[in-house]
Protein backbone atom coordinates (compact mmCIF):
# COMPACT_ATOMS: atom_id res chain seq x y z
CA UNK A 1 73.28 153.42 -96.01
CA UNK A 2 76.61 152.70 -97.66
CA UNK A 3 78.08 155.64 -95.79
CA UNK A 4 76.88 154.19 -92.47
CA UNK A 5 78.41 150.83 -93.29
CA UNK A 6 81.74 152.44 -94.16
CA UNK A 7 81.57 154.53 -90.97
CA UNK A 8 80.96 151.41 -88.87
CA UNK A 9 83.88 149.58 -90.52
CA UNK A 10 86.18 152.58 -90.04
CA UNK A 11 85.03 152.98 -86.43
CA UNK A 12 85.73 149.29 -85.75
CA UNK A 13 89.17 149.63 -87.33
CA UNK A 14 89.85 152.73 -85.22
CA UNK A 15 88.69 150.95 -82.07
CA UNK A 16 90.86 147.89 -82.85
CA UNK A 17 93.87 150.12 -83.58
CA UNK A 18 93.34 152.07 -80.35
CA UNK A 19 93.21 148.87 -78.31
CA UNK A 20 96.41 147.57 -79.95
CA UNK A 21 98.21 150.91 -79.43
CA UNK A 22 97.20 150.91 -75.76
CA UNK A 23 98.54 147.36 -75.32
CA UNK A 24 101.78 148.31 -77.08
CA UNK A 25 102.15 151.36 -74.85
CA UNK A 26 101.80 149.17 -71.75
CA UNK A 27 104.39 146.76 -73.12
CA UNK A 28 106.79 149.64 -73.79
CA UNK A 29 106.36 150.90 -70.23
CA UNK A 30 107.14 147.40 -68.91
CA UNK A 31 110.11 147.14 -71.26
CA UNK A 32 111.53 150.43 -70.02
CA UNK A 33 111.16 149.29 -66.42
CA UNK A 34 112.87 145.99 -67.19
CA UNK A 35 115.58 147.78 -69.14
CA UNK A 36 116.49 149.77 -66.02
CA UNK A 37 116.68 146.57 -63.97
CA UNK A 38 118.70 144.88 -66.71
CA UNK A 39 121.15 147.79 -66.80
CA UNK A 40 121.60 147.56 -63.04
CA UNK A 41 122.17 143.80 -63.20
CA UNK A 42 124.69 144.17 -66.03
CA UNK A 43 126.53 146.82 -64.01
CA UNK A 44 126.71 144.55 -60.97
CA UNK A 45 127.82 141.65 -63.15
CA UNK A 46 130.57 143.80 -64.65
CA UNK A 47 131.79 144.76 -61.16
CA UNK A 48 131.75 141.11 -60.08
CA UNK A 49 133.74 140.03 -63.12
CA UNK A 50 136.29 142.77 -62.44
CA UNK A 51 136.60 141.56 -58.84
CA UNK A 52 137.06 137.99 -60.08
CA UNK A 53 139.85 139.09 -62.43
CA UNK A 54 141.65 140.77 -59.53
CA UNK A 55 141.21 137.65 -57.37
CA UNK A 56 142.59 135.38 -60.11
CA UNK A 57 145.62 137.63 -60.53
CA UNK A 58 146.24 137.65 -56.79
CA UNK A 59 145.76 133.88 -56.62
CA UNK A 60 148.22 133.37 -59.48
CA UNK A 61 150.76 135.57 -57.74
CA UNK A 62 150.27 133.78 -54.41
CA UNK A 63 150.43 130.41 -56.17
CA UNK A 64 153.76 131.27 -57.78
CA UNK A 65 155.16 132.33 -54.42
CA UNK A 66 153.92 129.11 -52.83
CA UNK A 67 155.44 126.96 -55.58
CA UNK A 68 158.74 128.81 -55.18
CA UNK A 69 158.68 128.30 -51.40
CA UNK A 70 157.84 124.60 -51.80
CA UNK A 71 160.65 124.21 -54.32
CA UNK A 72 163.08 125.79 -51.87
CA UNK A 73 161.93 123.46 -49.08
CA UNK A 74 162.27 120.42 -51.37
CA UNK A 75 165.83 121.49 -52.24
CA UNK A 76 166.62 121.87 -48.53
CA UNK A 77 165.16 118.43 -47.83
CA UNK A 78 167.24 116.85 -50.62
CA UNK A 79 170.38 118.47 -49.24
CA UNK A 80 169.53 117.20 -45.75
CA UNK A 81 168.95 113.67 -47.11
CA UNK A 82 172.25 113.79 -49.01
CA UNK A 83 174.02 114.96 -45.86
CA UNK A 84 172.42 112.17 -43.79
CA UNK A 85 173.41 109.62 -46.45
CA UNK A 86 176.98 110.94 -46.42
CA UNK A 87 177.23 110.75 -42.62
CA UNK A 88 175.68 107.29 -42.56
CA UNK A 89 178.11 106.08 -45.21
CA UNK A 90 181.05 107.59 -43.28
CA UNK A 91 179.97 105.90 -40.02
CA UNK A 92 179.29 102.52 -41.61
CA UNK A 93 182.08 101.76 -44.07
CA UNK A 94 181.12 98.77 -46.14
């Protein structure tokens, strides 16, 4: 009788453990599948960040060139204004 009771308790424990192991196995399978997807997403993210770094470098380079060109045009405009002021002053002596 005591042996039967112990057998029933051990069988219930074995059944419970088997159910839990089966659930864990399913979770591990899902985790592996998601890990593959996660790895792919991280790879794409890494490529995108690399592309963004290249774009920022190109934008910085283009921005410097544009600032230099604008500075040159401003200098030309100042020279033209000074020349106009000089001619106007020469034509209209006070």
